[in-house]
Amino acid sequence: MILLDYHNVVIEETLKQPIVGLEPTALDMTAVDFDGVSYRISTPQSKNIIKFSMLMQCFNELVQWGAQDMLHKEYGTYILPEIESGYDFSLEFDLQKLPEDKEEREALVKKVSLIKRNLLAQPFERAFEQQAQYEAEEQTNPTPILMQIHYRDQETIYIQALYDRVTVIFSTLFKEETDRIFGRVFLQEFVDARRRPAIQKAPQVLYSSKDPPLEIRHLSESQTEDIGYVTFGKVSPTLHYRFKYNDCINKWMYSLVPSPFCQGRSARKNDFPNPAIS
């Protein structure tokens, strides 16, 4: 099992010196994450002004579920109105206008390194809010929205809130038979792990290597034998009270994004997808 940090270490380390240390630095770096999300950190005009840009395949889908509101709430002071060409949004940091307190600057760097996590969290947060509303209004048979996040080519996260649960489905593409075998072994671990006495009260986990779950069976994109599905369901209505709310979202997102691809192919050492940095 590959455990990934919730924040981007490359972004954090790159921004520490200029932002936390207030040391003007010439920067021109492009990084690509495991799931295809790309970043650019540069100082095109002056060492004192850092431009940060991000490109994310599912960005427009995330906007439907509150991504723009989150960006303005968390990064509003630094949002650049004129987005860098080829990217979804840009931030700008003037070293001469940053907070005087060092801890605030450290928190800012951490917040920027968490930007992908914060974006992906929006549909999860929306689902928790919907489930809480259904429960409060006693809507035992609501008409739920199926949120679809196509975070990578042919791979999708499906999220749906019901009266008594939030269901999350991850689809994972395995193009080759070897990948399907490894993927089945690794993903089955999510199902088998619940048999351990210590975590028997964890949400139910289902894995299917062929038939899509009922919630998405009507979608044409699910009709392929190259995709496996992991479903986290039957979540207690009090899940977000009994556990740390953000912790729950983090573990759901990073249990399978982007780890199934990495896990399923990591056994083939010559095919391990290292992140690219230039």
Protein backbone atom coordinates (compact mmCIF):
# COMPACT_ATOMS: atom_id res chain seq x y z
CA MET A 1 0.00 0.00 0.00
CA ILE A 2 1.39 3.40 -1.01
CA LEU A 3 0.38 6.12 1.44
CA LEU A 4 0.44 9.56 -0.15
CA ASP A 5 0.61 12.88 1.65
CA TYR A 6 -2.51 15.04 1.47
CA HIS A 7 -0.38 18.02 0.44
CA ASN A 8 2.04 18.41 -2.47
CA VAL A 9 5.56 18.21 -1.06
CA VAL A 10 7.16 19.70 -4.20
CA ILE A 11 5.00 22.83 -3.96
CA GLU A 12 5.67 23.13 -0.23
CA GLU A 13 9.45 22.82 -0.56
CA THR A 14 9.61 25.17 -3.56
CA LEU A 15 7.66 27.96 -1.84
CA LYS A 16 9.25 27.68 1.60
CA GLN A 17 12.40 29.67 0.86
CA PRO A 18 10.83 32.66 -0.90
CA ILE A 19 7.57 32.91 1.08
CA VAL A 20 8.50 31.71 4.56
CA GLY A 21 12.08 32.96 4.43
CA LEU A 22 11.20 36.10 2.44
CA GLU A 23 14.15 35.37 0.15
CA PRO A 24 13.58 36.56 -3.43
CA THR A 25 14.31 33.59 -5.70
CA ALA A 26 14.23 33.12 -9.46
CA LEU A 27 11.74 30.33 -10.18
CA ASP A 28 10.55 28.60 -13.33
CA MET A 29 9.31 25.12 -12.49
CA THR A 30 6.64 22.84 -13.92
CA ALA A 31 5.49 19.75 -12.01
CA VAL A 32 3.03 17.01 -12.96
CA ASP A 33 1.34 14.97 -10.23
CA PHE A 34 0.52 11.23 -10.38
CA ASP A 35 -3.03 11.94 -11.51
CA GLY A 36 -2.06 14.34 -14.29
CA VAL A 37 -2.62 17.58 -12.38
CA SER A 38 0.07 20.05 -13.45
CA TYR A 39 1.49 23.09 -11.70
CA ARG A 40 3.74 25.95 -12.66
CA ILE A 41 5.65 28.16 -10.24
CA SER A 42 7.49 31.07 -11.82
CA THR A 43 8.78 34.60 -11.34
CA PRO A 44 8.29 35.99 -14.85
CA GLN A 45 8.62 39.67 -13.94
CA SER A 46 10.49 39.92 -10.65
CA LYS A 47 12.00 37.64 -8.01
CA ASN A 48 9.68 39.33 -5.52
CA ILE A 49 6.50 38.27 -7.33
CA ILE A 50 5.71 34.55 -7.54
CA LYS A 51 3.06 33.23 -9.91
CA PHE A 52 1.44 29.87 -9.15
CA SER A 53 -0.80 28.20 -11.75
CA MET A 54 -2.65 24.88 -11.81
CA LEU A 55 -4.26 22.74 -14.51
CA MET A 56 -6.71 20.04 -13.45
CA GLN A 57 -8.72 17.86 -15.81
CA CYS A 58 -11.85 17.90 -13.64
CA PHE A 59 -11.63 21.56 -12.61
CA ASN A 60 -14.81 22.65 -14.43
CA GLU A 61 -16.75 19.78 -12.84
CA LEU A 62 -15.51 20.80 -9.40
CA VAL A 63 -16.69 24.35 -10.06
CA GLN A 64 -20.26 22.98 -10.11
CA TRP A 65 -19.83 21.80 -6.52
CA GLY A 66 -18.35 24.94 -4.98
CA ALA A 67 -14.73 25.07 -6.09
CA GLN A 68 -14.82 28.76 -6.97
CA ASP A 69 -16.35 29.67 -3.61
CA MET A 70 -13.65 27.69 -1.84
CA LEU A 71 -10.87 29.34 -3.87
CA HIS A 72 -12.14 32.82 -3.04
CA LYS A 73 -12.57 31.92 0.62
CA GLU A 74 -9.15 30.31 1.08
CA TYR A 75 -6.99 32.10 -1.50
CA GLY A 76 -9.00 35.22 -2.38
CA THR A 77 -6.28 37.75 -1.58
CA TYR A 78 -3.88 36.04 -3.95
CA ILE A 79 -6.14 35.09 -6.87
CA LEU A 80 -4.85 36.50 -10.14
CA PRO A 81 -7.72 37.82 -12.32
CA GLU A 82 -5.77 37.13 -15.51
CA ILE A 83 -5.21 33.37 -15.55
CA GLU A 84 -1.94 32.14 -17.02
CA SER A 85 -2.44 30.70 -20.51
CA GLY A 86 -2.96 26.93 -20.49
CA TYR A 87 -4.06 26.73 -16.84
CA ASP A 88 -7.36 26.75 -14.94
CA PHE A 89 -6.46 29.40 -12.39
CA SER A 90 -3.50 31.37 -11.07
CA LEU A 91 -2.34 32.85 -7.77
CA GLU A 92 0.23 35.60 -7.26
CA PHE A 93 2.36 36.31 -4.19
CA ASP A 94 4.17 39.61 -3.73
CA LEU A 95 6.90 38.99 -1.15
CA GLN A 96 6.69 42.62 -0.04
CA LYS A 97 2.98 42.28 0.81
CA LEU A 98 2.97 38.99 2.69
CA PRO A 99 2.00 38.71 6.38
CA GLU A 100 4.71 39.83 8.77
CA ASP A 101 4.16 36.86 11.07
CA LYS A 102 6.28 33.86 10.03
CA GLU A 103 3.69 31.34 11.21
CA GLU A 104 1.10 32.94 8.95
CA ARG A 105 3.47 32.61 5.99
CA GLU A 106 4.10 28.96 6.86
CA ALA A 107 0.35 28.40 6.98
CA LEU A 108 0.02 30.07 3.58
CA VAL A 109 2.58 27.73 2.02
CA LYS A 110 0.81 24.72 3.52
CA LYS A 111 -2.53 25.99 2.22
CA VAL A 112 -1.13 26.33 -1.32
CA SER A 113 0.34 22.82 -1.14
CA LEU A 114 -3.15 21.55 -0.22
CA ILE A 115 -4.90 23.26 -3.11
CA LYS A 116 -5.67 20.06 -5.04
CA ARG A 117 -6.97 18.38 -1.91
CA ASN A 118 -9.17 21.38 -1.15
CA LEU A 119 -10.61 21.37 -4.66
CA LEU A 120 -11.35 17.64 -4.68
CA ALA A 121 -12.95 17.92 -1.25
CA GLN A 122 -15.78 20.15 -2.49
CA PRO A 123 -18.14 17.43 -3.81
CA PHE A 124 -17.49 15.35 -0.69
CA GLU A 125 -18.42 18.29 1.53
CA ARG A 126 -21.50 18.94 -0.60
CA ALA A 127 -22.56 15.31 -0.17
CA PHE A 128 -22.18 15.45 3.61
CA GLU A 129 -24.26 18.62 3.70
CA GLN A 130 -26.96 17.05 1.52
CA GLN A 131 -27.10 13.92 3.68
CA ALA A 132 -27.42 16.00 6.84
CA GLN A 133 -30.23 18.00 5.21
CA TYR A 134 -32.10 14.85 4.13
CA GLU A 135 -31.83 13.52 7.67
CA ALA A 136 -32.91 16.78 9.30
CA GLU A 137 -35.92 17.10 6.99
CA GLU A 138 -36.68 13.36 7.27
CA GLN A 139 -36.50 12.91 3.51
CA THR A 140 -36.26 9.13 3.61
CA ASN A 141 -36.61 8.80 -0.16
CA PRO A 142 -34.91 11.85 -1.69
CA THR A 143 -33.98 12.37 -5.33
CA PRO A 144 -30.22 12.53 -4.92
CA ILE A 145 -27.70 14.07 -7.27
CA LEU A 146 -25.01 11.76 -8.62
CA MET A 147 -21.87 13.89 -8.68
CA GLN A 148 -19.33 12.75 -11.27
CA ILE A 149 -15.70 13.82 -11.10
CA HIS A 150 -13.67 12.66 -14.12
CA TYR A 151 -10.33 13.21 -12.44
CA ARG A 152 -8.32 11.23 -14.98
CA ASP A 153 -8.88 9.78 -18.47
CA GLN A 154 -11.53 7.03 -18.19
CA GLU A 155 -11.41 7.13 -14.38
CA THR A 156 -14.11 8.76 -12.29
CA ILE A 157 -15.24 9.41 -8.74
CA TYR A 158 -19.00 9.13 -8.21
CA ILE A 159 -20.50 10.64 -5.04
CA GLN A 160 -24.12 10.42 -3.94
CA ALA A 161 -25.87 11.43 -0.72
CA LEU A 162 -28.89 9.50 0.55
CA TYR A 163 -30.97 9.74 3.71
CA ASP A 164 -28.78 7.39 5.76
CA ARG A 165 -25.48 7.33 3.93
CA VAL A 166 -23.03 8.87 1.53
CA THR A 167 -21.92 6.51 -1.22
CA VAL A 168 -18.57 7.01 -2.94
CA ILE A 169 -17.56 4.96 -5.98
CA PHE A 170 -14.10 4.97 -7.53
CA SER A 171 -13.61 3.59 -11.03
CA THR A 172 -10.12 2.43 -11.95
CA LEU A 173 -8.91 1.62 -15.46
CA PHE A 174 -6.76 -1.45 -16.10
CA LYS A 175 -5.80 -1.65 -19.76
CA GLU A 176 -3.81 -4.88 -19.58
CA GLU A 177 -4.63 -8.28 -18.12
CA THR A 178 -1.61 -8.10 -15.81
CA ASP A 179 -2.86 -4.78 -14.47
CA ARG A 180 -6.31 -6.25 -13.87
CA ILE A 181 -4.83 -9.12 -11.85
CA PHE A 182 -2.70 -6.85 -9.69
CA GLY A 183 -5.54 -4.37 -9.36
CA ARG A 184 -7.97 -7.05 -8.23
CA VAL A 185 -5.53 -8.20 -5.54
CA PHE A 186 -4.82 -4.72 -4.20
CA LEU A 187 -8.36 -3.37 -4.36
CA GLN A 188 -9.79 -6.50 -2.75
CA GLU A 189 -7.74 -5.51 0.30
CA PHE A 190 -10.22 -2.70 0.97
CA VAL A 191 -12.98 -5.30 1.22
CA ASP A 192 -11.03 -7.86 3.24
CA ALA A 193 -9.66 -5.30 5.70
CA ARG A 194 -13.12 -4.82 7.22
CA ARG A 195 -13.02 -8.38 8.53
CA ARG A 196 -10.42 -7.36 11.09
CA PRO A 197 -12.00 -6.99 14.55
CA ALA A 198 -10.55 -3.52 15.10
CA ILE A 199 -12.30 -1.99 12.08
CA GLN A 200 -15.48 -4.02 11.70
CA LYS A 201 -17.53 -0.87 12.30
CA ALA A 202 -15.93 0.86 9.34
CA PRO A 203 -18.14 1.66 6.31
CA GLN A 204 -18.91 -1.24 4.04
CA VAL A 205 -16.58 -1.63 1.07
CA LEU A 206 -17.47 -3.49 -2.13
CA TYR A 207 -15.25 -4.29 -5.09
CA SER A 208 -16.32 -5.35 -8.57
CA SER A 209 -13.95 -6.09 -11.42
CA LYS A 210 -16.69 -6.30 -14.06
CA ASP A 211 -20.22 -5.23 -13.18
CA PRO A 212 -20.61 -1.55 -12.27
CA PRO A 213 -22.47 -0.73 -9.04
CA LEU A 214 -26.21 -0.19 -9.30
CA GLU A 215 -25.87 3.56 -8.71
CA ILE A 216 -23.99 4.06 -12.00
CA ARG A 217 -25.17 1.14 -14.09
CA HIS A 218 -27.28 3.45 -16.25
CA LEU A 219 -24.22 5.41 -17.41
CA SER A 220 -22.75 4.46 -20.78
CA GLU A 221 -19.20 5.13 -19.60
CA SER A 222 -19.48 2.28 -17.10
CA GLN A 223 -20.04 -0.35 -19.76
CA THR A 224 -16.49 -1.64 -20.17
CA GLU A 225 -14.60 -4.67 -18.88
CA ASP A 226 -11.39 -2.69 -18.38
CA ILE A 227 -12.67 -0.85 -15.33
CA GLY A 228 -12.91 -2.01 -11.73
CA TYR A 229 -15.08 -0.35 -9.08
CA VAL A 230 -14.61 0.19 -5.37
CA THR A 231 -17.69 1.37 -3.47
CA PHE A 232 -17.64 2.88 0.01
CA GLY A 233 -21.18 2.82 1.28
CA LYS A 234 -23.61 2.39 4.17
CA VAL A 235 -22.02 5.31 5.96
CA SER A 236 -23.59 6.05 9.33
CA PRO A 237 -25.50 9.35 9.45
CA THR A 238 -23.28 10.36 12.37
CA LEU A 239 -20.00 9.62 10.60
CA HIS A 240 -19.08 13.26 10.26
CA TYR A 241 -19.72 13.78 13.97
CA ARG A 242 -17.96 10.71 15.32
CA PHE A 243 -14.84 11.21 13.25
CA LYS A 244 -12.92 14.28 12.27
CA TYR A 245 -14.82 15.64 9.29
CA ASN A 246 -11.79 16.60 7.21
CA ASP A 247 -9.98 13.42 8.18
CA CYS A 248 -12.82 11.37 6.72
CA ILE A 249 -12.68 13.27 3.43
CA ASN A 250 -8.89 12.96 3.26
CA LYS A 251 -8.94 9.22 3.76
CA TRP A 252 -11.68 8.67 1.21
CA MET A 253 -9.98 10.81 -1.42
CA TYR A 254 -6.45 9.54 -0.95
CA SER A 255 -7.30 5.90 -0.38
CA LEU A 256 -7.80 5.63 -4.13
CA VAL A 257 -6.72 8.91 -5.75
CA PRO A 258 -4.34 8.23 -7.33
CA SER A 259 -3.08 5.18 -5.45
CA PRO A 260 -4.85 2.33 -7.33
CA PHE A 261 -2.93 3.11 -10.49
CA CYS A 262 0.30 3.39 -8.53
CA GLN A 263 -0.44 0.29 -6.45
CA GLY A 264 -1.59 -1.86 -9.31
CA ARG A 265 1.44 -1.07 -11.44
CA SER A 266 4.11 -0.55 -8.79
CA ALA A 267 4.88 -4.26 -8.79
CA ARG A 268 6.08 -3.75 -12.35
CA LYS A 269 9.14 -1.68 -11.50
CA ASN A 270 9.79 -0.53 -15.03
CA ASP A 271 6.31 0.98 -15.23
CA PHE A 272 6.13 2.99 -12.01
CA PRO A 273 4.69 6.46 -12.77
CA ASN A 274 7.06 8.90 -11.06
CA PRO A 275 5.87 12.51 -11.01
CA ALA A 276 7.60 14.70 -13.57
CA ILE A 277 9.39 17.89 -12.59
CA SER A 278 11.12 20.24 -14.97
